[in-house]
Amino acid sequence: MNSKCNRGTREDAEDAFRILSDPNRAFISSVFVKMELLPKAVYYKNYEEIEFYEKFFALVSNWCVFTDELLQTAFEEAQQSGTEALDALHVVAAAHCGAEELATTEKPTKPIHRTRLVKVVSIHE
């Protein structure tokens, strides 16, 4: 991977692949996940990372479409749990689309784990 854009570790990748290869999982995503992940990889021409993300997006069976109401819910979630804006959007998308859990690379001490809308798990668990 291009070192300018290599944000994860080999352990992160292995843990993510374990989740992504689980045949008992269905994946939910949103355009906000794409916006968070793809631009930097594309800018730095990190083709391996781009390919990884595109493979994930091909597995998505439910794309959350945001309405003004969902955006308002995300705004309220960010205020209540102290999450960053994008994390609040991810939480609301997961909850709205019926996810059983939201998998993240964020450590359990990060604000995203405070939400009560959906179970948040670290990929390292």
N, C-alpha and C. Protein backbone atom coordinates (compact mmCIF):
# COMPACT_ATOMS: atom_id res chain seq x y z
N MET A 1 0.84 -1.19 0.00
CA MET A 1 0.00 0.00 0.00
C MET A 1 0.88 1.25 0.00
N ASN A 2 0.35 2.30 -0.56
CA ASN A 2 1.03 3.57 -0.59
C ASN A 2 1.12 4.11 0.83
N SER A 3 2.31 4.43 1.28
CA SER A 3 2.48 4.85 2.67
C SER A 3 1.79 6.18 2.96
N LYS A 4 1.52 6.99 1.93
CA LYS A 4 0.84 8.26 2.16
C LYS A 4 -0.59 8.05 2.61
N CYS A 5 -1.13 6.90 2.31
CA CYS A 5 -2.55 6.67 2.61
C CYS A 5 -2.77 5.42 3.44
N ASN A 6 -1.72 4.79 3.89
CA ASN A 6 -1.86 3.56 4.66
C ASN A 6 -2.23 3.92 6.09
N ARG A 7 -3.51 3.92 6.37
CA ARG A 7 -3.98 4.37 7.67
C ARG A 7 -4.15 3.24 8.65
N GLY A 8 -4.29 2.02 8.16
CA GLY A 8 -4.50 0.89 9.04
C GLY A 8 -3.26 0.03 9.14
N THR A 9 -3.33 -0.92 10.03
CA THR A 9 -2.22 -1.85 10.22
C THR A 9 -2.59 -3.18 9.58
N ARG A 10 -1.63 -4.06 9.47
CA ARG A 10 -1.91 -5.40 8.96
C ARG A 10 -2.93 -6.09 9.87
N GLU A 11 -2.81 -5.86 11.17
CA GLU A 11 -3.78 -6.44 12.12
C GLU A 11 -5.18 -5.92 11.82
N ASP A 12 -5.31 -4.61 11.55
CA ASP A 12 -6.62 -4.05 11.18
C ASP A 12 -7.18 -4.77 9.97
N ALA A 13 -6.33 -4.96 8.96
CA ALA A 13 -6.76 -5.61 7.72
C ALA A 13 -7.20 -7.05 7.98
N GLU A 14 -6.44 -7.77 8.77
CA GLU A 14 -6.78 -9.16 9.06
C GLU A 14 -8.10 -9.25 9.83
N ASP A 15 -8.28 -8.35 10.79
CA ASP A 15 -9.52 -8.33 11.56
C ASP A 15 -10.71 -7.96 10.67
N ALA A 16 -10.50 -7.00 9.78
CA ALA A 16 -11.57 -6.61 8.85
C ALA A 16 -11.92 -7.75 7.91
N PHE A 17 -10.91 -8.43 7.37
CA PHE A 17 -11.17 -9.55 6.47
C PHE A 17 -11.95 -10.66 7.17
N ARG A 18 -11.68 -10.87 8.46
CA ARG A 18 -12.40 -11.89 9.22
C ARG A 18 -13.89 -11.56 9.25
N ILE A 19 -14.21 -10.30 9.45
CA ILE A 19 -15.61 -9.87 9.47
C ILE A 19 -16.21 -9.92 8.06
N LEU A 20 -15.47 -9.41 7.09
CA LEU A 20 -15.99 -9.35 5.72
C LEU A 20 -16.20 -10.72 5.10
N SER A 21 -15.44 -11.69 5.54
CA SER A 21 -15.56 -13.03 4.95
C SER A 21 -16.57 -13.92 5.69
N ASP A 22 -17.20 -13.39 6.71
CA ASP A 22 -18.19 -14.16 7.47
C ASP A 22 -19.45 -14.33 6.61
N PRO A 23 -19.77 -15.56 6.22
CA PRO A 23 -20.93 -15.79 5.34
C PRO A 23 -22.27 -15.52 6.02
N ASN A 24 -22.25 -15.36 7.33
CA ASN A 24 -23.50 -15.11 8.06
C ASN A 24 -23.80 -13.62 8.23
N ARG A 25 -23.00 -12.78 7.60
CA ARG A 25 -23.20 -11.33 7.72
C ARG A 25 -23.78 -10.75 6.44
N ALA A 26 -24.62 -9.74 6.63
CA ALA A 26 -25.08 -8.89 5.54
C ALA A 26 -24.58 -7.48 5.88
N PHE A 27 -24.29 -6.69 4.87
CA PHE A 27 -23.68 -5.39 5.12
C PHE A 27 -24.59 -4.24 4.73
N ILE A 28 -24.59 -3.24 5.59
CA ILE A 28 -25.32 -1.99 5.40
C ILE A 28 -24.27 -0.90 5.27
N SER A 29 -24.52 0.07 4.40
CA SER A 29 -23.59 1.19 4.27
C SER A 29 -24.35 2.42 3.81
N SER A 30 -23.61 3.50 3.61
CA SER A 30 -24.21 4.75 3.11
C SER A 30 -23.16 5.50 2.31
N VAL A 31 -23.62 6.50 1.61
CA VAL A 31 -22.70 7.34 0.84
C VAL A 31 -21.68 8.01 1.77
N PHE A 32 -22.02 8.19 3.03
CA PHE A 32 -21.10 8.82 3.96
C PHE A 32 -19.89 7.93 4.26
N VAL A 33 -20.08 6.62 4.23
CA VAL A 33 -18.95 5.71 4.39
C VAL A 33 -18.03 5.84 3.18
N LYS A 34 -18.63 5.87 1.99
CA LYS A 34 -17.82 6.06 0.77
C LYS A 34 -17.04 7.37 0.84
N MET A 35 -17.70 8.43 1.28
CA MET A 35 -17.04 9.74 1.35
C MET A 35 -15.91 9.75 2.37
N GLU A 36 -16.05 8.97 3.41
CA GLU A 36 -15.00 8.92 4.43
C GLU A 36 -13.80 8.11 3.96
N LEU A 37 -14.04 7.06 3.18
CA LEU A 37 -12.97 6.13 2.83
C LEU A 37 -12.30 6.37 1.48
N LEU A 38 -13.08 6.56 0.44
CA LEU A 38 -12.52 6.55 -0.91
C LEU A 38 -11.70 7.78 -1.33
N PRO A 39 -12.10 9.00 -1.02
CA PRO A 39 -11.39 10.15 -1.58
C PRO A 39 -9.88 10.17 -1.33
N LYS A 40 -9.47 9.88 -0.13
CA LYS A 40 -8.04 9.93 0.17
C LYS A 40 -7.29 8.82 -0.58
N ALA A 41 -7.87 7.63 -0.63
CA ALA A 41 -7.24 6.53 -1.35
C ALA A 41 -7.13 6.87 -2.85
N VAL A 42 -8.18 7.46 -3.41
CA VAL A 42 -8.16 7.86 -4.82
C VAL A 42 -7.13 8.96 -5.05
N TYR A 43 -7.12 9.96 -4.19
CA TYR A 43 -6.18 11.08 -4.34
C TYR A 43 -4.74 10.59 -4.37
N TYR A 44 -4.41 9.67 -3.46
CA TYR A 44 -3.04 9.16 -3.38
C TYR A 44 -2.79 7.97 -4.31
N LYS A 45 -3.80 7.64 -5.13
CA LYS A 45 -3.67 6.55 -6.09
C LYS A 45 -3.26 5.23 -5.43
N ASN A 46 -3.88 4.99 -4.28
CA ASN A 46 -3.61 3.75 -3.54
C ASN A 46 -4.58 2.68 -4.05
N TYR A 47 -4.19 2.04 -5.13
CA TYR A 47 -5.07 1.13 -5.85
C TYR A 47 -5.47 -0.09 -5.02
N GLU A 48 -4.58 -0.59 -4.17
CA GLU A 48 -4.94 -1.74 -3.32
C GLU A 48 -6.04 -1.35 -2.35
N GLU A 49 -5.92 -0.17 -1.77
CA GLU A 49 -6.93 0.29 -0.82
C GLU A 49 -8.26 0.54 -1.54
N ILE A 50 -8.20 1.16 -2.71
CA ILE A 50 -9.40 1.40 -3.50
C ILE A 50 -10.09 0.07 -3.82
N GLU A 51 -9.31 -0.90 -4.25
CA GLU A 51 -9.87 -2.21 -4.59
C GLU A 51 -10.53 -2.86 -3.37
N PHE A 52 -9.91 -2.75 -2.21
CA PHE A 52 -10.47 -3.29 -0.98
C PHE A 52 -11.83 -2.65 -0.69
N TYR A 53 -11.91 -1.32 -0.77
CA TYR A 53 -13.16 -0.63 -0.50
C TYR A 53 -14.22 -1.00 -1.53
N GLU A 54 -13.84 -1.08 -2.79
CA GLU A 54 -14.81 -1.43 -3.83
C GLU A 54 -15.35 -2.84 -3.63
N LYS A 55 -14.52 -3.75 -3.16
CA LYS A 55 -14.99 -5.11 -2.87
C LYS A 55 -16.00 -5.08 -1.72
N PHE A 56 -15.70 -4.27 -0.71
CA PHE A 56 -16.66 -4.14 0.39
C PHE A 56 -17.98 -3.56 -0.11
N PHE A 57 -17.92 -2.48 -0.86
CA PHE A 57 -19.15 -1.84 -1.32
C PHE A 57 -19.97 -2.77 -2.21
N ALA A 58 -19.32 -3.68 -2.91
CA ALA A 58 -20.03 -4.66 -3.73
C ALA A 58 -20.80 -5.66 -2.86
N LEU A 59 -20.37 -5.84 -1.62
CA LEU A 59 -21.04 -6.75 -0.69
C LEU A 59 -22.24 -6.13 0.01
N VAL A 60 -22.36 -4.81 -0.07
CA VAL A 60 -23.44 -4.12 0.64
C VAL A 60 -24.78 -4.50 0.05
N SER A 61 -25.67 -4.97 0.91
CA SER A 61 -27.00 -5.38 0.46
C SER A 61 -28.07 -4.34 0.78
N ASN A 62 -27.73 -3.38 1.64
CA ASN A 62 -28.70 -2.36 2.04
C ASN A 62 -27.99 -1.02 2.15
N TRP A 63 -28.33 -0.11 1.24
CA TRP A 63 -27.74 1.23 1.25
C TRP A 63 -28.72 2.18 1.93
N CYS A 64 -28.27 2.79 3.01
CA CYS A 64 -29.11 3.74 3.75
C CYS A 64 -29.20 5.04 2.95
N VAL A 65 -30.42 5.47 2.70
CA VAL A 65 -30.66 6.73 2.03
C VAL A 65 -31.06 7.75 3.09
N PHE A 66 -30.32 8.83 3.15
CA PHE A 66 -30.57 9.83 4.19
C PHE A 66 -31.65 10.82 3.79
N THR A 67 -32.51 11.08 4.75
CA THR A 67 -33.54 12.10 4.62
C THR A 67 -33.17 13.23 5.57
N ASP A 68 -33.88 14.33 5.47
CA ASP A 68 -33.65 15.42 6.42
C ASP A 68 -33.88 14.96 7.85
N GLU A 69 -34.87 14.09 8.03
CA GLU A 69 -35.17 13.57 9.37
C GLU A 69 -33.99 12.76 9.93
N LEU A 70 -33.38 11.92 9.09
CA LEU A 70 -32.22 11.13 9.55
C LEU A 70 -31.03 12.03 9.84
N LEU A 71 -30.84 13.06 9.03
CA LEU A 71 -29.75 14.00 9.31
C LEU A 71 -29.97 14.70 10.65
N GLN A 72 -31.20 15.06 10.94
CA GLN A 72 -31.52 15.67 12.24
C GLN A 72 -31.26 14.69 13.37
N THR A 73 -31.63 13.43 13.17
CA THR A 73 -31.38 12.40 14.18
C THR A 73 -29.88 12.25 14.42
N ALA A 74 -29.09 12.29 13.35
CA ALA A 74 -27.62 12.19 13.49
C ALA A 74 -27.07 13.39 14.24
N PHE A 75 -27.61 14.57 13.97
CA PHE A 75 -27.18 15.78 14.68
C PHE A 75 -27.45 15.64 16.17
N GLU A 76 -28.64 15.14 16.49
CA GLU A 76 -29.00 14.94 17.89
C GLU A 76 -28.13 13.87 18.54
N GLU A 77 -27.85 12.81 17.80
CA GLU A 77 -26.98 11.74 18.32
C GLU A 77 -25.59 12.27 18.62
N ALA A 78 -25.05 13.09 17.73
CA ALA A 78 -23.71 13.66 17.94
C ALA A 78 -23.68 14.48 19.22
N GLN A 79 -24.74 15.22 19.46
CA GLN A 79 -24.80 16.03 20.68
C GLN A 79 -24.95 15.19 21.93
N GLN A 80 -25.74 14.12 21.85
CA GLN A 80 -26.00 13.30 23.02
C GLN A 80 -24.83 12.40 23.39
N SER A 81 -24.13 11.87 22.38
CA SER A 81 -23.06 10.92 22.67
C SER A 81 -21.66 11.50 22.50
N GLY A 82 -21.58 12.71 21.95
CA GLY A 82 -20.28 13.34 21.78
C GLY A 82 -19.47 12.79 20.61
N THR A 83 -20.15 12.13 19.67
CA THR A 83 -19.44 11.58 18.52
C THR A 83 -19.14 12.67 17.51
N GLU A 84 -18.19 12.38 16.64
CA GLU A 84 -17.93 13.27 15.52
C GLU A 84 -19.08 13.14 14.53
N ALA A 85 -19.20 14.11 13.63
CA ALA A 85 -20.32 14.16 12.70
C ALA A 85 -20.46 12.88 11.87
N LEU A 86 -19.39 12.43 11.24
CA LEU A 86 -19.49 11.24 10.40
C LEU A 86 -19.83 10.00 11.21
N ASP A 87 -19.28 9.89 12.41
CA ASP A 87 -19.61 8.73 13.24
C ASP A 87 -21.10 8.73 13.60
N ALA A 88 -21.65 9.90 13.87
CA ALA A 88 -23.08 9.98 14.17
C ALA A 88 -23.90 9.56 12.95
N LEU A 89 -23.47 9.94 11.76
CA LEU A 89 -24.16 9.53 10.54
C LEU A 89 -24.09 8.02 10.37
N HIS A 90 -22.94 7.43 10.65
CA HIS A 90 -22.79 5.97 10.55
C HIS A 90 -23.70 5.26 11.55
N VAL A 91 -23.75 5.75 12.77
CA VAL A 91 -24.59 5.16 13.81
C VAL A 91 -26.06 5.20 13.40
N VAL A 92 -26.51 6.35 12.95
CA VAL A 92 -27.91 6.51 12.57
C VAL A 92 -28.25 5.64 11.36
N ALA A 93 -27.34 5.55 10.39
CA ALA A 93 -27.57 4.69 9.23
C ALA A 93 -27.72 3.24 9.67
N ALA A 94 -26.83 2.80 10.53
CA ALA A 94 -26.88 1.42 11.01
C ALA A 94 -28.19 1.15 11.75
N ALA A 95 -28.55 2.04 12.64
CA ALA A 95 -29.77 1.86 13.42
C ALA A 95 -31.01 1.91 12.52
N HIS A 96 -31.06 2.87 11.63
CA HIS A 96 -32.22 3.04 10.76
C HIS A 96 -32.43 1.84 9.84
N CYS A 97 -31.35 1.26 9.38
CA CYS A 97 -31.44 0.14 8.43
C CYS A 97 -31.49 -1.22 9.12
N GLY A 98 -31.54 -1.22 10.44
CA GLY A 98 -31.75 -2.46 11.18
C GLY A 98 -30.51 -3.29 11.44
N ALA A 99 -29.35 -2.67 11.47
CA ALA A 99 -28.12 -3.42 11.75
C ALA A 99 -28.15 -3.98 13.17
N GLU A 100 -27.65 -5.18 13.31
CA GLU A 100 -27.51 -5.78 14.64
C GLU A 100 -26.31 -5.18 15.37
N GLU A 101 -25.30 -4.79 14.59
CA GLU A 101 -24.12 -4.16 15.17
C GLU A 101 -23.42 -3.31 14.13
N LEU A 102 -22.64 -2.37 14.61
CA LEU A 102 -21.82 -1.51 13.77
C LEU A 102 -20.37 -1.85 14.10
N ALA A 103 -19.64 -2.37 13.13
CA ALA A 103 -18.24 -2.73 13.34
C ALA A 103 -17.37 -1.53 12.98
N THR A 104 -16.38 -1.25 13.82
CA THR A 104 -15.51 -0.10 13.63
C THR A 104 -14.08 -0.43 14.06
N THR A 105 -13.14 0.36 13.56
CA THR A 105 -11.76 0.23 14.03
C THR A 105 -11.52 1.11 15.26
N GLU A 106 -12.53 1.90 15.63
CA GLU A 106 -12.39 2.79 16.78
C GLU A 106 -12.25 1.99 18.07
N LYS A 107 -11.36 2.45 18.92
CA LYS A 107 -11.15 1.81 20.22
C LYS A 107 -12.38 2.00 21.09
N PRO A 108 -12.61 1.08 22.03
CA PRO A 108 -13.79 1.17 22.91
C PRO A 108 -13.87 2.44 23.74
N THR A 109 -12.79 3.19 23.85
CA THR A 109 -12.81 4.43 24.61
C THR A 109 -13.30 5.62 23.78
N LYS A 110 -13.52 5.43 22.49
CA LYS A 110 -13.95 6.52 21.61
C LYS A 110 -15.45 6.77 21.76
N PRO A 111 -15.89 8.00 21.52
CA PRO A 111 -17.29 8.37 21.71
C PRO A 111 -18.31 7.54 20.94
N ILE A 112 -17.96 7.00 19.78
CA ILE A 112 -18.93 6.22 19.00
C ILE A 112 -19.48 5.05 19.83
N HIS A 113 -18.71 4.56 20.77
CA HIS A 113 -19.15 3.43 21.60
C HIS A 113 -20.17 3.85 22.65
N ARG A 114 -20.41 5.16 22.79
CA ARG A 114 -21.39 5.64 23.77
C ARG A 114 -22.83 5.55 23.27
N THR A 115 -23.00 5.40 21.98
CA THR A 115 -24.36 5.43 21.44
C THR A 115 -25.21 4.32 22.03
N ARG A 116 -26.50 4.59 22.08
CA ARG A 116 -27.47 3.59 22.53
C ARG A 116 -28.38 3.17 21.37
N LEU A 117 -28.09 3.68 20.17
CA LEU A 117 -28.94 3.39 19.01
C LEU A 117 -28.65 2.03 18.38
N VAL A 118 -27.40 1.58 18.46
CA VAL A 118 -26.99 0.33 17.85
C VAL A 118 -25.77 -0.17 18.61
N LYS A 119 -25.62 -1.48 18.67
CA LYS A 119 -24.44 -2.07 19.31
C LYS A 119 -23.21 -1.75 18.46
N VAL A 120 -22.20 -1.18 19.06
CA VAL A 120 -20.95 -0.86 18.37
C VAL A 120 -19.87 -1.81 18.88
N VAL A 121 -19.18 -2.45 17.92
CA VAL A 121 -18.11 -3.38 18.29
C VAL A 121 -16.83 -2.99 17.55
N SER A 122 -15.73 -3.16 18.23
CA SER A 122 -14.43 -2.94 17.61
C SER A 122 -14.08 -4.18 16.80
N ILE A 123 -13.49 -4.02 15.64
CA ILE A 123 -13.13 -5.18 14.83
C ILE A 123 -12.07 -6.02 15.50
N HIS A 124 -11.44 -5.49 16.53
CA HIS A 124 -10.37 -6.21 17.23
C HIS A 124 -10.89 -7.08 18.36
N GLU A 125 -12.19 -7.10 18.59
CA GLU A 125 -12.75 -7.91 19.69
C GLU A 125 -12.83 -9.36 19.30
